[in-house]
Every structure is written in structure tokens, then in C-alpha cells.
């Protein structure tokens, strides 16, 4: 039996439960850091057809997408929006909960 990587396992979870992927991204955007966001997006790109497919739909070349989602990546807002759109998602702004 072949061991699966954590990224492969998470990609499978995201394929089976896209709402979990959305919730995770929202949690990361609320309380996480850029590194966590890039890891989640790398895993999600596998779930949404792989980097080549996501790159094509985002209007990026695959090498550029791999670099953008790497540990040292620093995506611009335009690129992040394109990547999310290729996954059927978008960024949204919400007011902070004042009770916190």
C-alpha cells in the first residue's frame, strides 16, 4: 500500500467537501498568515484539477502558478483573484464582529 502525502489527502477532502475548503480559506483569511493561505491554495489546486488546469483557467502559466503558491510566493491581489475564480471562488469583504 502506497502512503499518500498530506497534500494529496487534503485535496481529496476538498474534492469531496468543497464547503470545507471555503470554510478553511475564510478561517485562514480571518486569523491565519500568508504561508497557511498558500499551503491551502496548493492543496486546493490539486482538488480542482491540478496546477496546469487551474493555471490555464486563471490565465497564468503553470510555472508562474507553482512559484506563486510556493513557500516563498507572494501573490498579487490580481493573481489571487484569478486563482480563486478558476476554483469557482472569490474574495469578499465582511465587517468585523464588534462583539469580539
PDB file of N, CA and C in Angstrom:
ATOM      1  N   UNK A   1       0.841  -1.175   0.000  1.00  0.00           N
ATOM      2  CA  UNK A   1       0.000   0.000   0.000  1.00  0.00           C
ATOM      3  C   UNK A   1       0.890   1.243   0.000  1.00  0.00           C
ATOM      4  N   UNK A   2       0.581   2.178  -0.872  1.00  0.00           N
ATOM      5  CA  UNK A   2       1.355   3.406  -1.005  1.00  0.00           C
ATOM      6  C   UNK A   2       0.802   4.462  -0.051  1.00  0.00           C
ATOM      7  N   UNK A   3       1.714   5.119   0.664  1.00  0.00           N
ATOM      8  CA  UNK A   3       1.310   6.222   1.539  1.00  0.00           C
ATOM      9  C   UNK A   3       1.000   7.443   0.692  1.00  0.00           C
ATOM     10  N   UNK A   4      -0.048   8.155   1.085  1.00  0.00           N
ATOM     11  CA  UNK A   4      -0.384   9.405   0.405  1.00  0.00           C
ATOM     12  C   UNK A   4       0.212  10.563   1.192  1.00  0.00           C
ATOM     13  N   UNK A   5       0.575  11.595   0.471  1.00  0.00           N
ATOM     14  CA  UNK A   5       1.075  12.783   1.146  1.00  0.00           C
ATOM     15  C   UNK A   5      -0.102  13.524   1.787  1.00  0.00           C
ATOM     16  N   UNK A   6       0.234  14.383   2.719  1.00  0.00           N
ATOM     17  CA  UNK A   6      -0.801  15.190   3.370  1.00  0.00           C
ATOM     18  C   UNK A   6      -1.529  16.048   2.328  1.00  0.00           C
ATOM     19  N   UNK A   7      -0.789  16.624   1.374  1.00  0.00           N
ATOM     20  CA  UNK A   7      -1.411  17.445   0.333  1.00  0.00           C
ATOM     21  C   UNK A   7      -2.401  16.635  -0.500  1.00  0.00           C
ATOM     22  N   UNK A   8      -2.039  15.406  -0.846  1.00  0.00           N
ATOM     23  CA  UNK A   8      -2.950  14.555  -1.619  1.00  0.00           C
ATOM     24  C   UNK A   8      -4.201  14.233  -0.820  1.00  0.00           C
ATOM     25  N   UNK A   9      -4.029  13.949   0.476  1.00  0.00           N
ATOM     26  CA  UNK A   9      -5.180  13.641   1.327  1.00  0.00           C
ATOM     27  C   UNK A   9      -6.102  14.853   1.460  1.00  0.00           C
ATOM     28  N   UNK A  10      -5.518  16.038   1.634  1.00  0.00           N
ATOM     29  CA  UNK A  10      -6.331  17.248   1.760  1.00  0.00           C
ATOM     30  C   UNK A  10      -7.035  17.560   0.447  1.00  0.00           C
ATOM     31  N   UNK A  11      -6.374  17.337  -0.677  1.00  0.00           N
ATOM     32  CA  UNK A  11      -7.007  17.570  -1.977  1.00  0.00           C
ATOM     33  C   UNK A  11      -8.242  16.684  -2.116  1.00  0.00           C
ATOM     34  N   UNK A  12      -8.136  15.438  -1.671  1.00  0.00           N
ATOM     35  CA  UNK A  12      -9.281  14.527  -1.730  1.00  0.00           C
ATOM     36  C   UNK A  12     -10.414  15.027  -0.834  1.00  0.00           C
ATOM     37  N   UNK A  13     -10.078  15.496   0.354  1.00  0.00           N
ATOM     38  CA  UNK A  13     -11.087  16.044   1.271  1.00  0.00           C
ATOM     39  C   UNK A  13     -11.781  17.242   0.623  1.00  0.00           C
ATOM     40  N   UNK A  14     -11.005  18.140   0.005  1.00  0.00           N
ATOM     41  CA  UNK A  14     -11.584  19.322  -0.627  1.00  0.00           C
ATOM     42  C   UNK A  14     -12.463  18.957  -1.817  1.00  0.00           C
ATOM     43  N   UNK A  15     -12.076  17.919  -2.577  1.00  0.00           N
ATOM     44  CA  UNK A  15     -12.911  17.461  -3.704  1.00  0.00           C
ATOM     45  C   UNK A  15     -14.250  16.955  -3.186  1.00  0.00           C
ATOM     46  N   UNK A  16     -14.208  16.211  -2.080  1.00  0.00           N
ATOM     47  CA  UNK A  16     -15.428  15.617  -1.525  1.00  0.00           C
ATOM     48  C   UNK A  16     -16.276  16.635  -0.775  1.00  0.00           C
ATOM     49  N   UNK A  17     -15.660  17.686  -0.242  1.00  0.00           N
ATOM     50  CA  UNK A  17     -16.381  18.664   0.566  1.00  0.00           C
ATOM     51  C   UNK A  17     -15.887  20.085   0.259  1.00  0.00           C
ATOM     52  N   UNK A  18     -16.323  20.647  -0.881  1.00  0.00           N
ATOM     53  CA  UNK A  18     -15.867  21.993  -1.256  1.00  0.00           C
ATOM     54  C   UNK A  18     -16.213  23.057  -0.208  1.00  0.00           C
ATOM     55  N   UNK A  19     -17.292  22.859   0.528  1.00  0.00           N
ATOM     56  CA  UNK A  19     -17.663  23.829   1.562  1.00  0.00           C
ATOM     57  C   UNK A  19     -16.612  23.878   2.666  1.00  0.00           C
ATOM     58  N   UNK A  20     -15.972  22.754   2.936  1.00  0.00           N
ATOM     59  CA  UNK A  20     -14.884  22.724   3.916  1.00  0.00           C
ATOM     60  C   UNK A  20     -13.718  23.575   3.416  1.00  0.00           C
ATOM     61  N   UNK A  21     -13.439  23.495   2.121  1.00  0.00           N
ATOM     62  CA  UNK A  21     -12.364  24.307   1.535  1.00  0.00           C
ATOM     63  C   UNK A  21     -12.674  25.790   1.709  1.00  0.00           C
ATOM     64  N   UNK A  22     -13.914  26.172   1.471  1.00  0.00           N
ATOM     65  CA  UNK A  22     -14.322  27.569   1.631  1.00  0.00           C
ATOM     66  C   UNK A  22     -14.172  27.998   3.088  1.00  0.00           C
ATOM     67  N   UNK A  23     -14.631  27.166   4.008  1.00  0.00           N
ATOM     68  CA  UNK A  23     -14.539  27.493   5.435  1.00  0.00           C
ATOM     69  C   UNK A  23     -13.080  27.622   5.863  1.00  0.00           C
ATOM     70  N   UNK A  24     -12.232  26.724   5.385  1.00  0.00           N
ATOM     71  CA  UNK A  24     -10.813  26.790   5.736  1.00  0.00           C
ATOM     72  C   UNK A  24     -10.187  28.082   5.231  1.00  0.00           C
ATOM     73  N   UNK A  25     -10.455  28.435   3.978  1.00  0.00           N
ATOM     74  CA  UNK A  25      -9.904  29.683   3.434  1.00  0.00           C
ATOM     75  C   UNK A  25     -10.392  30.890   4.229  1.00  0.00           C
ATOM     76  N   UNK A  26     -11.659  30.912   4.578  1.00  0.00           N
ATOM     77  CA  UNK A  26     -12.179  32.034   5.360  1.00  0.00           C
ATOM     78  C   UNK A  26     -11.524  32.104   6.735  1.00  0.00           C
ATOM     79  N   UNK A  27     -11.300  30.957   7.370  1.00  0.00           N
ATOM     80  CA  UNK A  27     -10.616  30.942   8.666  1.00  0.00           C
ATOM     81  C   UNK A  27      -9.185  31.452   8.532  1.00  0.00           C
ATOM     82  N   UNK A  28      -8.507  31.023   7.491  1.00  0.00           N
ATOM     83  CA  UNK A  28      -7.126  31.469   7.278  1.00  0.00           C
ATOM     84  C   UNK A  28      -7.094  32.976   7.020  1.00  0.00           C
ATOM     85  N   UNK A  29      -8.002  33.463   6.189  1.00  0.00           N
ATOM     86  CA  UNK A  29      -8.030  34.897   5.892  1.00  0.00           C
ATOM     87  C   UNK A  29      -8.367  35.712   7.139  1.00  0.00           C
ATOM     88  N   UNK A  30      -9.149  35.143   8.055  1.00  0.00           N
ATOM     89  CA  UNK A  30      -9.522  35.855   9.273  1.00  0.00           C
ATOM     90  C   UNK A  30      -8.400  35.845  10.308  1.00  0.00           C
ATOM     91  N   UNK A  31      -7.731  34.708  10.460  1.00  0.00           N
ATOM     92  CA  UNK A  31      -6.788  34.565  11.571  1.00  0.00           C
ATOM     93  C   UNK A  31      -5.424  33.994  11.199  1.00  0.00           C
ATOM     94  N   UNK A  32      -5.252  33.594   9.952  1.00  0.00           N
ATOM     95  CA  UNK A  32      -4.022  32.916   9.572  1.00  0.00           C
ATOM     96  C   UNK A  32      -2.992  33.846   8.983  1.00  0.00           C
ATOM     97  N   UNK A  33      -2.010  33.231   8.371  1.00  0.00           N
ATOM     98  CA  UNK A  33      -0.975  34.023   7.727  1.00  0.00           C
ATOM     99  C   UNK A  33      -0.842  33.606   6.274  1.00  0.00           C
ATOM    100  N   UNK A  34      -0.016  34.320   5.548  1.00  0.00           N
ATOM    101  CA  UNK A  34       0.126  34.076   4.119  1.00  0.00           C
ATOM    102  C   UNK A  34       0.632  32.665   3.829  1.00  0.00           C
ATOM    103  N   UNK A  35       1.549  32.164   4.650  1.00  0.00           N
ATOM    104  CA  UNK A  35       2.067  30.814   4.443  1.00  0.00           C
ATOM    105  C   UNK A  35       0.966  29.765   4.495  1.00  0.00           C
ATOM    106  N   UNK A  36       0.075  29.898   5.474  1.00  0.00           N
ATOM    107  CA  UNK A  36      -1.054  28.964   5.580  1.00  0.00           C
ATOM    108  C   UNK A  36      -1.967  29.072   4.367  1.00  0.00           C
ATOM    109  N   UNK A  37      -2.192  30.294   3.917  1.00  0.00           N
ATOM    110  CA  UNK A  37      -3.043  30.503   2.755  1.00  0.00           C
ATOM    111  C   UNK A  37      -2.444  29.832   1.523  1.00  0.00           C
ATOM    112  N   UNK A  38      -1.150  29.981   1.314  1.00  0.00           N
ATOM    113  CA  UNK A  38      -0.505  29.386   0.138  1.00  0.00           C
ATOM    114  C   UNK A  38      -0.544  27.870   0.195  1.00  0.00           C
ATOM    115  N   UNK A  39      -0.362  27.295   1.380  1.00  0.00           N
ATOM    116  CA  UNK A  39      -0.453  25.834   1.526  1.00  0.00           C
ATOM    117  C   UNK A  39      -1.856  25.369   1.144  1.00  0.00           C
ATOM    118  N   UNK A  40      -2.871  26.023   1.686  1.00  0.00           N
ATOM    119  CA  UNK A  40      -4.252  25.634   1.387  1.00  0.00           C
ATOM    120  C   UNK A  40      -4.547  25.776  -0.105  1.00  0.00           C
ATOM    121  N   UNK A  41      -4.076  26.847  -0.725  1.00  0.00           N
ATOM    122  CA  UNK A  41      -4.317  27.033  -2.158  1.00  0.00           C
ATOM    123  C   UNK A  41      -3.593  25.980  -2.994  1.00  0.00           C
ATOM    124  N   UNK A  42      -2.390  25.578  -2.567  1.00  0.00           N
ATOM    125  CA  UNK A  42      -1.686  24.494  -3.275  1.00  0.00           C
ATOM    126  C   UNK A  42      -2.498  23.208  -3.191  1.00  0.00           C
ATOM    127  N   UNK A  43      -2.986  22.894  -2.012  1.00  0.00           N
ATOM    128  CA  UNK A  43      -3.790  21.686  -1.836  1.00  0.00           C
ATOM    129  C   UNK A  43      -5.080  21.774  -2.642  1.00  0.00           C
ATOM    130  N   UNK A  44      -5.700  22.942  -2.630  1.00  0.00           N
ATOM    131  CA  UNK A  44      -6.942  23.112  -3.368  1.00  0.00           C
ATOM    132  C   UNK A  44      -6.722  23.036  -4.873  1.00  0.00           C
ATOM    133  N   UNK A  45      -5.564  23.494  -5.344  1.00  0.00           N
ATOM    134  CA  UNK A  45      -5.312  23.405  -6.788  1.00  0.00           C
ATOM    135  C   UNK A  45      -5.297  21.946  -7.232  1.00  0.00           C
ATOM    136  N   UNK A  46      -4.793  21.067  -6.378  1.00  0.00           N
ATOM    137  CA  UNK A  46      -4.838  19.631  -6.696  1.00  0.00           C
ATOM    138  C   UNK A  46      -6.280  19.141  -6.748  1.00  0.00           C
ATOM    139  N   UNK A  47      -7.104  19.637  -5.842  1.00  0.00           N
ATOM    140  CA  UNK A  47      -8.501  19.219  -5.788  1.00  0.00           C
ATOM    141  C   UNK A  47      -9.299  19.708  -6.982  1.00  0.00           C
ATOM    142  N   UNK A  48      -8.909  20.850  -7.534  1.00  0.00           N
ATOM    143  CA  UNK A  48      -9.649  21.458  -8.627  1.00  0.00           C
ATOM    144  C   UNK A  48      -9.009  21.179  -9.978  1.00  0.00           C
ATOM    145  N   UNK A  49      -8.400  20.031 -10.148  1.00  0.00           N
ATOM    146  CA  UNK A  49      -7.905  19.602 -11.447  1.00  0.00           C
ATOM    147  C   UNK A  49      -6.413  19.681 -11.645  1.00  0.00           C
ATOM    148  N   UNK A  50      -5.695  20.163 -10.646  1.00  0.00           N
ATOM    149  CA  UNK A  50      -4.244  20.244 -10.742  1.00  0.00           C
ATOM    150  C   UNK A  50      -3.776  21.623 -11.182  1.00  0.00           C
ATOM    151  N   UNK A  51      -2.516  21.890 -10.928  1.00  0.00           N
ATOM    152  CA  UNK A  51      -1.944  23.204 -11.235  1.00  0.00           C
ATOM    153  C   UNK A  51      -2.077  23.562 -12.715  1.00  0.00           C
ATOM    154  N   UNK A  52      -1.792  22.653 -13.652  1.00  0.00           N
ATOM    155  CA  UNK A  52      -1.919  23.051 -15.061  1.00  0.00           C
ATOM    156  C   UNK A  52      -3.337  23.530 -15.422  1.00  0.00           C
ATOM    157  N   UNK A  53      -4.353  22.831 -14.925  1.00  0.00           N
ATOM    158  CA  UNK A  53      -5.728  23.216 -15.239  1.00  0.00           C
ATOM    159  C   UNK A  53      -6.092  24.539 -14.572  1.00  0.00           C
ATOM    160  N   UNK A  54      -5.759  24.691 -13.292  1.00  0.00           N
ATOM    161  CA  UNK A  54      -6.061  25.934 -12.585  1.00  0.00           C
ATOM    162  C   UNK A  54      -5.313  27.096 -13.240  1.00  0.00           C
ATOM    163  N   UNK A  55      -4.051  26.872 -13.599  1.00  0.00           N
ATOM    164  CA  UNK A  55      -3.259  27.921 -14.252  1.00  0.00           C
ATOM    165  C   UNK A  55      -3.907  28.352 -15.561  1.00  0.00           C
ATOM    166  N   UNK A  56      -4.323  27.385 -16.366  1.00  0.00           N
ATOM    167  CA  UNK A  56      -4.964  27.709 -17.647  1.00  0.00           C
ATOM    168  C   UNK A  56      -6.225  28.530 -17.426  1.00  0.00           C
ATOM    169  N   UNK A  57      -7.062  28.113 -16.493  1.00  0.00           N
ATOM    170  CA  UNK A  57      -8.312  28.825 -16.239  1.00  0.00           C
ATOM    171  C   UNK A  57      -8.067  30.203 -15.612  1.00  0.00           C
ATOM    172  N   UNK A  58      -6.947  30.356 -14.913  1.00  0.00           N
ATOM    173  CA  UNK A  58      -6.613  31.632 -14.288  1.00  0.00           C
ATOM    174  C   UNK A  58      -5.860  32.564 -15.230  1.00  0.00           C
ATOM    175  N   UNK A  59      -5.497  32.058 -16.403  1.00  0.00           N
ATOM    176  CA  UNK A  59      -4.748  32.869 -17.361  1.00  0.00           C
ATOM    177  C   UNK A  59      -3.282  33.025 -16.978  1.00  0.00           C
ATOM    178  N   UNK A  60      -2.750  32.046 -16.247  1.00  0.00           N
ATOM    179  CA  UNK A  60      -1.350  32.046 -15.828  1.00  0.00           C
ATOM    180  C   UNK A  60      -0.659  30.849 -16.451  1.00  0.00           C
ATOM    181  N   UNK A  61       0.670  30.893 -16.552  1.00  0.00           N
ATOM    182  CA  UNK A  61       1.335  29.672 -16.985  1.00  0.00           C
ATOM    183  C   UNK A  61       1.608  28.831 -15.736  1.00  0.00           C
ATOM    184  N   UNK A  62       1.673  27.518 -15.881  1.00  0.00           N
ATOM    185  CA  UNK A  62       1.831  26.646 -14.713  1.00  0.00           C
ATOM    186  C   UNK A  62       3.060  26.976 -13.862  1.00  0.00           C
ATOM    187  N   UNK A  63       4.166  27.318 -14.499  1.00  0.00           N
ATOM    188  CA  UNK A  63       5.372  27.650 -13.740  1.00  0.00           C
ATOM    189  C   UNK A  63       5.116  28.863 -12.853  1.00  0.00           C
ATOM    190  N   UNK A  64       4.444  29.848 -13.404  1.00  0.00           N
ATOM    191  CA  UNK A  64       4.112  31.046 -12.629  1.00  0.00           C
ATOM    192  C   UNK A  64       3.221  30.691 -11.443  1.00  0.00           C
ATOM    193  N   UNK A  65       2.250  29.810 -11.650  1.00  0.00           N
ATOM    194  CA  UNK A  65       1.359  29.413 -10.560  1.00  0.00           C
ATOM    195  C   UNK A  65       2.117  28.628  -9.491  1.00  0.00           C
ATOM    196  N   UNK A  66       2.997  27.707  -9.920  1.00  0.00           N
ATOM    197  CA  UNK A  66       3.811  26.970  -8.944  1.00  0.00           C
ATOM    198  C   UNK A  66       4.618  27.952  -8.090  1.00  0.00           C
ATOM    199  N   UNK A  67       5.230  28.952  -8.729  1.00  0.00           N
ATOM    200  CA  UNK A  67       6.022  29.950  -7.984  1.00  0.00           C
ATOM    201  C   UNK A  67       5.144  30.767  -7.049  1.00  0.00           C
ATOM    202  N   UNK A  68       3.990  31.183  -7.539  1.00  0.00           N
ATOM    203  CA  UNK A  68       3.077  31.995  -6.742  1.00  0.00           C
ATOM    204  C   UNK A  68       2.633  31.260  -5.487  1.00  0.00           C
ATOM    205  N   UNK A  69       2.388  29.957  -5.600  1.00  0.00           N
ATOM    206  CA  UNK A  69       1.896  29.174  -4.473  1.00  0.00           C
ATOM    207  C   UNK A  69       3.009  28.491  -3.671  1.00  0.00           C
ATOM    208  N   UNK A  70       4.258  28.784  -4.016  1.00  0.00           N
ATOM    209  CA  UNK A  70       5.381  28.191  -3.285  1.00  0.00           C
ATOM    210  C   UNK A  70       5.511  28.839  -1.913  1.00  0.00           C
ATOM    211  N   UNK A  71       6.353  28.248  -1.062  1.00  0.00           N
ATOM    212  CA  UNK A  71       6.567  28.778   0.287  1.00  0.00           C
ATOM    213  C   UNK A  71       7.027  30.224   0.265  1.00  0.00           C
ATOM    214  N   UNK A  72       7.781  30.592  -0.752  1.00  0.00           N
ATOM    215  CA  UNK A  72       8.273  31.967  -0.847  1.00  0.00           C
ATOM    216  C   UNK A  72       7.403  32.823  -1.762  1.00  0.00           C
ATOM    217  N   UNK A  73       6.270  32.288  -2.188  1.00  0.00           N
ATOM    218  CA  UNK A  73       5.387  33.021  -3.091  1.00  0.00           C
ATOM    219  C   UNK A  73       4.769  34.232  -2.417  1.00  0.00           C
ATOM    220  N   UNK A  74       4.456  35.201  -3.226  1.00  0.00           N
ATOM    221  CA  UNK A  74       3.832  36.426  -2.735  1.00  0.00           C
ATOM    222  C   UNK A  74       2.825  36.888  -3.789  1.00  0.00           C
ATOM    223  N   UNK A  75       1.645  36.243  -3.814  1.00  0.00           N
ATOM    224  CA  UNK A  75       0.705  36.549  -4.887  1.00  0.00           C
ATOM    225  C   UNK A  75       0.174  37.974  -4.804  1.00  0.00           C
ATOM    226  N   UNK A  76       0.032  38.586  -5.968  1.00  0.00           N
ATOM    227  CA  UNK A  76      -0.629  39.881  -6.062  1.00  0.00           C
ATOM    228  C   UNK A  76      -2.131  39.637  -5.975  1.00  0.00           C
ATOM    229  N   UNK A  77      -2.861  40.651  -5.616  1.00  0.00           N
ATOM    230  CA  UNK A  77      -4.312  40.531  -5.499  1.00  0.00           C
ATOM    231  C   UNK A  77      -4.932  40.053  -6.805  1.00  0.00           C
ATOM    232  N   UNK A  78      -4.468  40.599  -7.919  1.00  0.00           N
ATOM    233  CA  UNK A  78      -4.991  40.210  -9.241  1.00  0.00           C
ATOM    234  C   UNK A  78      -4.802  38.709  -9.483  1.00  0.00           C
ATOM    235  N   UNK A  79      -3.606  38.195  -9.153  1.00  0.00           N
ATOM    236  CA  UNK A  79      -3.343  36.772  -9.333  1.00  0.00           C
ATOM    237  C   UNK A  79      -4.165  35.914  -8.390  1.00  0.00           C
ATOM    238  N   UNK A  80      -4.286  36.353  -7.145  1.00  0.00           N
ATOM    239  CA  UNK A  80      -5.079  35.617  -6.168  1.00  0.00           C
ATOM    240  C   UNK A  80      -6.538  35.548  -6.605  1.00  0.00           C
ATOM    241  N   UNK A  81      -7.061  36.648  -7.102  1.00  0.00           N
ATOM    242  CA  UNK A  81      -8.436  36.657  -7.595  1.00  0.00           C
ATOM    243  C   UNK A  81      -8.603  35.696  -8.772  1.00  0.00           C
ATOM    244  N   UNK A  82      -7.637  35.679  -9.674  1.00  0.00           N
ATOM    245  CA  UNK A  82      -7.714  34.787 -10.835  1.00  0.00           C
ATOM    246  C   UNK A  82      -7.652  33.324 -10.415  1.00  0.00           C
ATOM    247  N   UNK A  83      -6.790  33.006  -9.458  1.00  0.00           N
ATOM    248  CA  UNK A  83      -6.667  31.629  -8.967  1.00  0.00           C
ATOM    249  C   UNK A  83      -7.965  31.192  -8.311  1.00  0.00           C
ATOM    250  N   UNK A  84      -8.502  32.035  -7.443  1.00  0.00           N
ATOM    251  CA  UNK A  84      -9.759  31.693  -6.772  1.00  0.00           C
ATOM    252  C   UNK A  84     -10.901  31.552  -7.773  1.00  0.00           C
ATOM    253  N   UNK A  85     -10.955  32.448  -8.754  1.00  0.00           N
ATOM    254  CA  UNK A  85     -12.013  32.369  -9.761  1.00  0.00           C
ATOM    255  C   UNK A  85     -11.927  31.052 -10.534  1.00  0.00           C
ATOM    256  N   UNK A  86     -10.707  30.607 -10.836  1.00  0.00           N
ATOM    257  CA  UNK A  86     -10.520  29.333 -11.542  1.00  0.00           C
ATOM    258  C   UNK A  86     -11.045  28.158 -10.713  1.00  0.00           C
ATOM    259  N   UNK A  87     -11.104  28.350  -9.391  1.00  0.00           N
ATOM    260  CA  UNK A  87     -11.615  27.317  -8.488  1.00  0.00           C
ATOM    261  C   UNK A  87     -13.090  27.530  -8.161  1.00  0.00           C
ATOM    262  N   UNK A  88     -13.697  28.531  -8.808  1.00  0.00           N
ATOM    263  CA  UNK A  88     -15.104  28.814  -8.554  1.00  0.00           C
ATOM    264  C   UNK A  88     -15.341  29.591  -7.271  1.00  0.00           C
ATOM    265  N   UNK A  89     -14.330  30.342  -6.825  1.00  0.00           N
ATOM    266  CA  UNK A  89     -14.410  31.087  -5.573  1.00  0.00           C
ATOM    267  C   UNK A  89     -14.088  32.550  -5.822  1.00  0.00           C
ATOM    268  N   UNK A  90     -14.322  33.395  -4.815  1.00  0.00           N
ATOM    269  CA  UNK A  90     -13.955  34.804  -4.901  1.00  0.00           C
ATOM    270  C   UNK A  90     -13.664  35.335  -3.510  1.00  0.00           C
ATOM    271  N   UNK A  91     -12.925  36.424  -3.468  1.00  0.00           N
ATOM    272  CA  UNK A  91     -12.681  37.119  -2.203  1.00  0.00           C
ATOM    273  C   UNK A  91     -13.893  37.972  -1.877  1.00  0.00           C
ATOM    274  N   UNK A  92     -14.152  38.154  -0.599  1.00  0.00           N
ATOM    275  CA  UNK A  92     -15.247  39.019  -0.166  1.00  0.00           C
ATOM    276  C   UNK A  92     -14.801  39.767   1.083  1.00  0.00           C
ATOM    277  N   UNK A  93     -15.385  40.926   1.290  1.00  0.00           N
ATOM    278  CA  UNK A  93     -15.086  41.729   2.466  1.00  0.00           C
ATOM    279  C   UNK A  93     -16.292  41.683   3.394  1.00  0.00           C
ATOM    280  N   UNK A  94     -16.026  41.503   4.689  1.00  0.00           N
ATOM    281  CA  UNK A  94     -17.073  41.461   5.684  1.00  0.00           C
ATOM    282  C   UNK A  94     -16.695  42.354   6.836  1.00  0.00           C
ATOM    283  N   UNK A  95     -17.662  42.956   7.503  1.00  0.00           N
ATOM    284  CA  UNK A  95     -17.333  43.775   8.656  1.00  0.00           C
ATOM    285  C   UNK A  95     -16.845  42.883   9.803  1.00  0.00           C
ATOM    286  N   UNK A  96     -15.972  43.442  10.625  1.00  0.00           N
ATOM    287  CA  UNK A  96     -15.532  42.720  11.808  1.00  0.00           C
ATOM    288  C   UNK A  96     -16.665  42.654  12.815  1.00  0.00           C
ATOM    289  N   UNK A  97     -16.709  41.564  13.545  1.00  0.00           N
ATOM    290  CA  UNK A  97     -17.701  41.407  14.600  1.00  0.00           C
ATOM    291  C   UNK A  97     -17.279  42.300  15.760  1.00  0.00           C
ATOM    292  N   UNK A  98     -18.056  43.307  16.064  1.00  0.00           N
ATOM    293  CA  UNK A  98     -17.702  44.278  17.097  1.00  0.00           C
ATOM    294  C   UNK A  98     -17.800  43.708  18.506  1.00  0.00           C
ATOM    295  N   UNK A  99     -18.437  42.553  18.657  1.00  0.00           N
ATOM    296  CA  UNK A  99     -18.570  41.932  19.979  1.00  0.00           C
ATOM    297  C   UNK A  99     -17.281  41.237  20.394  1.00  0.00           C
ATOM    298  N   UNK A 100     -16.356  41.030  19.461  1.00  0.00           N
ATOM    299  CA  UNK A 100     -15.109  40.314  19.762  1.00  0.00           C
ATOM    300  C   UNK A 100     -14.184  41.103  20.638  1.00  0.00           C
TER     301      UNK A 100
END
